[in-house]
Amino acid sequence: MRAEVGKKLSGALCWGVEWSQMLNLSMSFGPPHLEVSPVLRERKGGPHPRRPGRRRVNVAGVWWLWVYVAYWRIIREGTCLPSYSSRLRDKR
């Protein structure tokens, strides 16, 4: 990780930490906010005149960190939490 990115993330609110075997490790940083985008329901003649489209809502942070195909470990208050080499049940 580049030093300037590490400085921005250090001390920032961290949330949405997830681990999966396919995606490896991801987490969001910074205050969460909603991203709302309208999606029109299409039909042959175009958008339905009386029925609004569904909205897609995503909760996002200022930064999103995705660690893929890498060695990683998380340390909180001097204690090492699960890392890339931890047992599968410890990562969940």
Protein backbone atom coordinates (compact mmCIF):
# COMPACT_ATOMS: atom_id res chain seq x y z
CA MET A 1 0.00 0.00 0.00
CA ARG A 2 1.35 3.41 -0.84
CA ALA A 3 2.33 5.55 2.15
CA GLU A 4 -0.03 8.45 1.33
CA VAL A 5 -3.02 6.09 1.09
CA GLY A 6 -2.09 4.48 4.41
CA LYS A 7 -1.97 7.91 6.07
CA LYS A 8 -5.47 8.76 4.82
CA LEU A 9 -6.91 5.46 6.07
CA SER A 10 -5.11 5.48 9.42
CA GLY A 11 -7.58 6.55 12.09
CA ALA A 12 -10.54 6.68 9.68
CA LEU A 13 -13.81 4.94 10.56
CA CYS A 14 -13.61 1.36 9.24
CA TRP A 15 -16.80 -0.60 8.61
CA GLY A 16 -18.26 -3.27 6.35
CA VAL A 17 -15.29 -5.60 6.74
CA GLU A 18 -15.99 -8.77 4.77
CA TRP A 19 -13.98 -11.82 3.83
CA SER A 20 -14.88 -14.41 1.24
CA GLN A 21 -12.91 -17.13 -0.45
CA MET A 22 -13.63 -15.63 -3.87
CA LEU A 23 -13.11 -11.91 -3.18
CA ASN A 24 -10.66 -12.22 -0.29
CA LEU A 25 -10.82 -9.13 2.00
CA SER A 26 -12.74 -5.88 1.53
CA MET A 27 -13.59 -2.98 3.84
CA SER A 28 -14.99 0.54 3.68
CA PHE A 29 -13.46 3.62 5.30
CA GLY A 30 -14.85 7.03 6.22
CA PRO A 31 -18.38 8.06 7.12
CA PRO A 32 -21.04 6.02 5.29
CA HIS A 33 -23.44 7.71 2.89
CA LEU A 34 -26.22 6.53 0.59
CA GLU A 35 -25.81 6.50 -3.17
CA VAL A 36 -29.26 6.48 -4.77
CA SER A 37 -29.76 6.06 -8.50
CA PRO A 38 -33.14 5.79 -10.21
CA VAL A 39 -33.68 2.92 -12.64
CA LEU A 40 -36.59 3.31 -15.04
CA ARG A 41 -38.73 0.29 -15.73
CA GLU A 42 -38.57 -0.22 -19.48
CA ARG A 43 -41.32 -1.47 -21.76
CA LYS A 44 -41.68 -1.65 -25.52
CA GLY A 45 -42.91 1.93 -25.84
CA GLY A 46 -40.38 3.37 -23.39
CA PRO A 47 -40.63 4.07 -19.63
CA HIS A 48 -43.99 3.41 -17.99
CA PRO A 49 -45.76 6.79 -17.69
CA ARG A 50 -47.42 6.21 -14.29
CA ARG A 51 -45.07 3.79 -12.56
CA PRO A 52 -41.75 5.12 -11.31
CA GLY A 53 -38.72 2.94 -11.71
CA ARG A 54 -37.09 1.13 -8.85
CA ARG A 55 -34.14 2.77 -7.17
CA ARG A 56 -30.81 1.18 -6.47
CA VAL A 57 -29.44 2.18 -3.08
CA ASN A 58 -25.87 1.50 -2.06
CA VAL A 59 -24.19 2.33 1.23
CA ALA A 60 -20.69 3.60 0.48
CA GLY A 61 -17.79 5.10 2.36
CA VAL A 62 -15.23 7.64 1.24
CA TRP A 63 -12.80 4.82 0.41
CA TRP A 64 -13.19 1.12 -0.35
CA LEU A 65 -10.19 -1.16 0.11
CA TRP A 66 -10.07 -4.50 -1.65
CA VAL A 67 -7.21 -6.85 -0.81
CA TYR A 68 -7.01 -9.54 -3.48
CA VAL A 69 -4.40 -12.29 -3.90
CA ALA A 70 -2.18 -10.89 -1.15
CA TYR A 71 -0.83 -11.63 2.28
CA TRP A 72 -2.71 -9.54 4.85
CA ARG A 73 -3.30 -9.20 8.55
CA ILE A 74 -5.36 -6.82 10.66
CA ILE A 75 -4.01 -5.45 13.91
CA ARG A 76 -6.29 -3.66 16.37
CA GLU A 77 -4.87 -2.12 19.54
CA GLY A 78 -1.74 -4.26 19.27
CA THR A 79 -3.66 -7.53 18.88
CA CYS A 80 -3.46 -9.43 15.60
CA LEU A 81 -6.92 -10.34 14.37
CA PRO A 82 -7.43 -13.04 11.71
CA SER A 83 -5.02 -12.90 8.78
CA TYR A 84 -4.69 -14.55 5.38
CA SER A 85 -3.24 -17.67 7.06
CA SER A 86 -5.93 -18.01 9.77
CA ARG A 87 -8.29 -20.95 9.83
CA LEU A 88 -11.44 -20.51 7.76
CA ARG A 89 -13.75 -20.43 10.79
CA ASP A 90 -11.65 -17.67 12.43
CA LYS A 91 -12.11 -15.40 9.40
CA ARG A 92 -15.90 -15.48 9.54
